[in-house]
């Protein structure tokens, strides 16, 4: 692992450039993976059950 020191603007620019190098399909999969990671983030708020459309990517 490499540690680098950079400004927030430099970090954001670097992340944006790396994301834009991905193909359209890779961007969609990256978005879905990020969404899965955000849902796994611990929080005190528990969402109420709803009848909203939910995509479940877990393997059964």
Protein backbone atom coordinates (compact mmCIF):
# COMPACT_ATOMS: atom_id res chain seq x y z
CA UNK A 1 0.00 0.00 0.00
CA UNK A 2 1.25 3.44 -0.91
CA UNK A 3 0.51 6.57 1.14
CA UNK A 4 0.32 9.86 -0.74
CA UNK A 5 -0.34 13.37 0.47
CA UNK A 6 -2.47 15.52 -1.80
CA UNK A 7 -5.14 18.16 -1.63
CA UNK A 8 -8.83 17.32 -1.76
CA UNK A 9 -9.05 18.86 -5.24
CA UNK A 10 -6.15 16.72 -6.50
CA UNK A 11 -7.71 13.60 -5.01
CA UNK A 12 -11.11 14.35 -6.55
CA UNK A 13 -9.54 15.04 -9.96
CA UNK A 14 -7.60 11.77 -9.82
CA UNK A 15 -10.71 9.76 -8.86
CA UNK A 16 -12.77 11.45 -11.61
CA UNK A 17 -10.13 10.69 -14.26
CA UNK A 18 -9.91 7.04 -13.19
CA UNK A 19 -13.70 6.73 -13.31
CA UNK A 20 -13.98 8.35 -16.74
CA UNK A 21 -11.41 5.89 -18.14
CA UNK A 22 -13.90 3.07 -17.48
CA UNK A 23 -16.29 1.90 -20.17
CA UNK A 24 -20.01 2.57 -19.77
CA UNK A 25 -20.72 -0.94 -18.49
CA UNK A 26 -17.81 -0.76 -16.05
CA UNK A 27 -19.19 2.54 -14.72
CA UNK A 28 -22.59 0.97 -14.09
CA UNK A 29 -21.01 -1.96 -12.25
CA UNK A 30 -18.82 0.42 -10.23
CA UNK A 31 -21.94 2.38 -9.25
CA UNK A 32 -23.77 -0.81 -8.22
CA UNK A 33 -20.79 -2.00 -6.19
CA UNK A 34 -20.56 1.37 -4.43
CA UNK A 35 -24.28 1.23 -3.69
CA UNK A 36 -23.84 -2.22 -2.13
CA UNK A 37 -20.97 -0.93 0.02
CA UNK A 38 -23.02 2.06 1.19
CA UNK A 39 -25.90 -0.23 2.20
CA UNK A 40 -23.48 -2.33 4.26
CA UNK A 41 -22.20 0.74 6.13
CA UNK A 42 -23.25 0.58 9.80
CA UNK A 43 -25.86 3.13 10.86
CA UNK A 44 -28.20 3.70 13.78
CA UNK A 45 -31.14 4.47 11.48
CA UNK A 46 -33.08 1.38 10.49
CA UNK A 47 -35.20 1.87 7.37
CA UNK A 48 -38.86 0.99 7.55
CA UNK A 49 -40.10 -1.81 5.34
CA UNK A 50 -41.70 -0.46 2.22
CA UNK A 51 -43.15 -1.70 -1.04
CA UNK A 52 -40.41 0.01 -3.06
CA UNK A 53 -38.66 -1.83 -5.85
CA UNK A 54 -35.48 -3.42 -4.44
CA UNK A 55 -32.72 -5.10 -6.42
CA UNK A 56 -31.04 -7.81 -4.35
CA UNK A 57 -27.59 -8.86 -5.59
CA UNK A 58 -26.90 -11.36 -2.84
CA UNK A 59 -26.31 -14.94 -3.92
CA UNK A 60 -28.78 -17.48 -2.62
